[in-house]
Each structure stands twice: as C-alpha cells, then as structure tokens.
Amino acid sequence: MPTKSGDILILFTEQTFTIHIVGVVSADGQQDLSGDVDQSKAIQAGTLAAALAAARLIRPEGRSIFFQNIDTGEWSEL
C-alpha cells in the first residue's frame, strides 16, 4: 500500500461485527494503525459512510484516503 505520512487509513473488519477504524498514517508505507499512531485519536465507525465522513474531517489537504479490508488484505485508494 503506497501510504505516506499524513494520509488517512480506514481499516475494516467483519470478523466478529462490522467496524471501521480511521486514523492518520505516521510513516510512509504504513499498513495498520499500530506503532507510532496515537490510538486515542483513532476513530471507530459502524458504517463506511461514517468512516469516510470522519476521514474527510481529519484528512490534511492534499493527502489520500486508503481503505483496507483486514479480513482479506484487499485495499484501495478512495
């Protein structure tokens, strides 16, 4: 995933229940929200629409939003 510092990452899972986690990427190439990410700033959303709304609010100008299904490993740029 070609993420860069400042991009927004939305992680999605349906393992136990549907949840989206939205957070800011802190290092180029980052594919999760662990490590240097301030976990207190991660946003949980129950729907993709809510996750996208949250991502748009926190996205710095000129940065991308990436979506990853952590159940399948598939990702896309939104």
N, C-alpha and C. Protein backbone atom coordinates (compact mmCIF):
# COMPACT_ATOMS: atom_id res chain seq x y z
N MET A 1 0.85 -1.17 0.00
CA MET A 1 0.00 0.00 0.00
C MET A 1 0.90 1.24 0.00
N PRO A 2 0.69 2.15 -0.93
CA PRO A 2 1.59 3.29 -1.07
C PRO A 2 1.23 4.48 -0.16
N THR A 3 1.01 4.23 1.10
CA THR A 3 0.66 5.33 2.01
C THR A 3 1.86 6.21 2.29
N LYS A 4 1.56 7.47 2.61
CA LYS A 4 2.59 8.42 3.01
C LYS A 4 2.14 9.08 4.30
N SER A 5 3.10 9.56 5.05
CA SER A 5 2.80 10.23 6.30
C SER A 5 1.77 11.33 6.07
N GLY A 6 0.72 11.33 6.89
CA GLY A 6 -0.35 12.31 6.77
C GLY A 6 -1.57 11.79 6.04
N ASP A 7 -1.43 10.68 5.29
CA ASP A 7 -2.59 10.06 4.65
C ASP A 7 -3.52 9.51 5.73
N ILE A 8 -4.75 9.19 5.33
CA ILE A 8 -5.73 8.61 6.23
C ILE A 8 -5.93 7.15 5.86
N LEU A 9 -5.99 6.29 6.86
CA LEU A 9 -6.19 4.86 6.65
C LEU A 9 -7.48 4.44 7.33
N ILE A 10 -8.37 3.79 6.57
CA ILE A 10 -9.58 3.21 7.12
C ILE A 10 -9.40 1.69 7.09
N LEU A 11 -9.44 1.07 8.26
CA LEU A 11 -9.35 -0.38 8.36
C LEU A 11 -10.75 -0.93 8.61
N PHE A 12 -11.10 -2.03 7.94
CA PHE A 12 -12.44 -2.59 8.01
C PHE A 12 -12.36 -4.07 8.35
N THR A 13 -13.26 -4.53 9.21
CA THR A 13 -13.35 -5.95 9.52
C THR A 13 -14.80 -6.34 9.77
N GLU A 14 -15.12 -7.58 9.46
CA GLU A 14 -16.43 -8.16 9.76
C GLU A 14 -16.26 -9.45 10.56
N GLN A 15 -15.10 -9.68 11.15
CA GLN A 15 -14.82 -10.93 11.86
C GLN A 15 -15.86 -11.21 12.94
N THR A 16 -16.02 -10.32 13.90
CA THR A 16 -16.98 -10.51 14.98
C THR A 16 -18.21 -9.64 14.74
N PHE A 17 -17.95 -8.42 14.35
CA PHE A 17 -19.01 -7.48 13.99
C PHE A 17 -18.38 -6.46 13.04
N THR A 18 -19.19 -5.72 12.33
CA THR A 18 -18.66 -4.77 11.36
C THR A 18 -18.14 -3.53 12.06
N ILE A 19 -16.89 -3.19 11.76
CA ILE A 19 -16.31 -1.97 12.33
C ILE A 19 -15.29 -1.38 11.37
N HIS A 20 -15.22 -0.08 11.38
CA HIS A 20 -14.23 0.66 10.61
C HIS A 20 -13.41 1.47 11.61
N ILE A 21 -12.10 1.45 11.47
CA ILE A 21 -11.22 2.27 12.30
C ILE A 21 -10.53 3.27 11.37
N VAL A 22 -10.56 4.53 11.72
CA VAL A 22 -9.99 5.60 10.90
C VAL A 22 -8.83 6.23 11.67
N GLY A 23 -7.69 6.38 11.02
CA GLY A 23 -6.54 7.01 11.67
C GLY A 23 -5.60 7.62 10.67
N VAL A 24 -4.69 8.44 11.18
CA VAL A 24 -3.70 9.14 10.35
C VAL A 24 -2.43 8.30 10.26
N VAL A 25 -1.91 8.13 9.06
CA VAL A 25 -0.68 7.40 8.81
C VAL A 25 0.50 8.24 9.32
N SER A 26 1.40 7.61 10.07
CA SER A 26 2.53 8.34 10.63
C SER A 26 3.86 8.05 9.93
N ALA A 27 3.89 7.02 9.05
CA ALA A 27 5.13 6.67 8.35
C ALA A 27 4.81 6.16 6.95
N ASP A 28 5.64 6.52 5.99
CA ASP A 28 5.45 6.06 4.62
C ASP A 28 5.37 4.54 4.58
N GLY A 29 4.41 4.01 3.81
CA GLY A 29 4.24 2.57 3.65
C GLY A 29 3.46 1.89 4.77
N GLN A 30 3.00 2.65 5.74
CA GLN A 30 2.27 2.08 6.88
C GLN A 30 0.99 1.40 6.41
N GLN A 31 0.70 0.20 6.95
CA GLN A 31 -0.47 -0.57 6.54
C GLN A 31 -1.38 -0.92 7.70
N ASP A 32 -1.13 -0.36 8.86
CA ASP A 32 -2.00 -0.61 10.01
C ASP A 32 -2.01 0.63 10.88
N LEU A 33 -2.68 0.57 12.00
CA LEU A 33 -2.74 1.72 12.89
C LEU A 33 -2.11 1.41 14.23
N SER A 34 -1.01 0.66 14.19
CA SER A 34 -0.27 0.37 15.41
C SER A 34 1.03 1.17 15.42
N GLY A 35 1.83 0.96 16.42
CA GLY A 35 3.12 1.63 16.46
C GLY A 35 3.01 3.07 16.91
N ASP A 36 3.46 4.00 16.04
CA ASP A 36 3.52 5.41 16.40
C ASP A 36 2.18 6.13 16.37
N VAL A 37 1.13 5.47 15.93
CA VAL A 37 -0.18 6.12 15.84
C VAL A 37 -0.72 6.37 17.23
N ASP A 38 -1.23 7.57 17.46
CA ASP A 38 -1.86 7.92 18.73
C ASP A 38 -3.22 7.23 18.76
N GLN A 39 -3.31 6.10 19.46
CA GLN A 39 -4.53 5.31 19.49
C GLN A 39 -5.73 6.10 20.02
N SER A 40 -5.49 7.10 20.86
CA SER A 40 -6.60 7.89 21.39
C SER A 40 -7.25 8.74 20.30
N LYS A 41 -6.56 8.92 19.17
CA LYS A 41 -7.11 9.71 18.07
C LYS A 41 -7.75 8.85 16.99
N ALA A 42 -7.66 7.52 17.12
CA ALA A 42 -8.30 6.63 16.16
C ALA A 42 -9.82 6.73 16.35
N ILE A 43 -10.54 6.75 15.26
CA ILE A 43 -12.00 6.90 15.27
C ILE A 43 -12.64 5.60 14.86
N GLN A 44 -13.63 5.13 15.62
CA GLN A 44 -14.38 3.94 15.27
C GLN A 44 -15.69 4.35 14.64
N ALA A 45 -16.07 3.66 13.57
CA ALA A 45 -17.32 3.96 12.88
C ALA A 45 -17.98 2.64 12.49
N GLY A 46 -19.29 2.59 12.57
CA GLY A 46 -20.03 1.36 12.25
C GLY A 46 -20.32 1.17 10.78
N THR A 47 -20.24 2.24 9.99
CA THR A 47 -20.52 2.14 8.56
C THR A 47 -19.41 2.79 7.76
N LEU A 48 -19.31 2.40 6.50
CA LEU A 48 -18.31 3.01 5.63
C LEU A 48 -18.62 4.49 5.44
N ALA A 49 -19.89 4.85 5.33
CA ALA A 49 -20.24 6.26 5.16
C ALA A 49 -19.75 7.10 6.34
N ALA A 50 -19.95 6.59 7.55
CA ALA A 50 -19.49 7.31 8.75
C ALA A 50 -17.97 7.38 8.79
N ALA A 51 -17.30 6.30 8.38
CA ALA A 51 -15.83 6.28 8.36
C ALA A 51 -15.30 7.29 7.35
N LEU A 52 -15.92 7.36 6.18
CA LEU A 52 -15.49 8.32 5.15
C LEU A 52 -15.71 9.75 5.62
N ALA A 53 -16.84 10.01 6.29
CA ALA A 53 -17.10 11.36 6.80
C ALA A 53 -16.03 11.74 7.82
N ALA A 54 -15.68 10.81 8.72
CA ALA A 54 -14.64 11.08 9.72
C ALA A 54 -13.29 11.29 9.05
N ALA A 55 -12.98 10.47 8.05
CA ALA A 55 -11.70 10.57 7.34
C ALA A 55 -11.57 11.92 6.65
N ARG A 56 -12.65 12.38 6.04
CA ARG A 56 -12.61 13.68 5.34
C ARG A 56 -12.40 14.83 6.32
N LEU A 57 -12.92 14.69 7.54
CA LEU A 57 -12.76 15.74 8.54
C LEU A 57 -11.32 15.87 9.03
N ILE A 58 -10.61 14.75 9.13
CA ILE A 58 -9.26 14.79 9.70
C ILE A 58 -8.15 14.77 8.64
N ARG A 59 -8.52 14.57 7.38
CA ARG A 59 -7.51 14.49 6.31
C ARG A 59 -6.88 15.85 6.05
N PRO A 60 -5.56 15.92 6.14
CA PRO A 60 -4.88 17.16 5.76
C PRO A 60 -5.03 17.40 4.25
N GLU A 61 -5.04 18.64 3.84
CA GLU A 61 -5.18 18.97 2.43
C GLU A 61 -4.08 18.30 1.61
N GLY A 62 -4.47 17.71 0.49
CA GLY A 62 -3.51 17.08 -0.40
C GLY A 62 -3.14 15.65 -0.04
N ARG A 63 -3.69 15.10 1.03
CA ARG A 63 -3.38 13.73 1.44
C ARG A 63 -4.47 12.79 0.94
N SER A 64 -4.15 11.52 0.84
CA SER A 64 -5.06 10.49 0.32
C SER A 64 -5.76 9.74 1.44
N ILE A 65 -6.87 9.08 1.07
CA ILE A 65 -7.59 8.18 1.98
C ILE A 65 -7.47 6.78 1.41
N PHE A 66 -6.98 5.85 2.23
CA PHE A 66 -6.85 4.45 1.84
C PHE A 66 -7.80 3.61 2.66
N PHE A 67 -8.31 2.54 2.06
CA PHE A 67 -9.25 1.62 2.71
C PHE A 67 -8.66 0.23 2.63
N GLN A 68 -8.62 -0.48 3.75
CA GLN A 68 -8.12 -1.86 3.74
C GLN A 68 -9.08 -2.77 4.48
N ASN A 69 -9.48 -3.86 3.82
CA ASN A 69 -10.26 -4.91 4.45
C ASN A 69 -9.25 -5.83 5.12
N ILE A 70 -9.16 -5.79 6.43
CA ILE A 70 -8.13 -6.59 7.11
C ILE A 70 -8.48 -8.07 7.15
N ASP A 71 -9.73 -8.41 6.80
CA ASP A 71 -10.10 -9.82 6.72
C ASP A 71 -9.52 -10.47 5.47
N THR A 72 -9.46 -9.71 4.37
CA THR A 72 -8.99 -10.26 3.09
C THR A 72 -7.64 -9.72 2.67
N GLY A 73 -7.22 -8.61 3.27
CA GLY A 73 -5.97 -7.97 2.87
C GLY A 73 -6.12 -7.03 1.69
N GLU A 74 -7.30 -6.99 1.08
CA GLU A 74 -7.53 -6.12 -0.08
C GLU A 74 -7.55 -4.67 0.36
N TRP A 75 -7.02 -3.78 -0.50
CA TRP A 75 -7.01 -2.36 -0.18
C TRP A 75 -7.28 -1.55 -1.44
N SER A 76 -7.69 -0.31 -1.23
CA SER A 76 -7.91 0.59 -2.35
C SER A 76 -7.73 2.02 -1.87
N GLU A 77 -7.53 2.91 -2.82
CA GLU A 77 -7.45 4.33 -2.52
C GLU A 77 -8.82 4.91 -2.83
N LEU A 78 -9.37 5.65 -1.88
CA LEU A 78 -10.71 6.22 -2.07
C LEU A 78 -10.63 7.66 -2.50
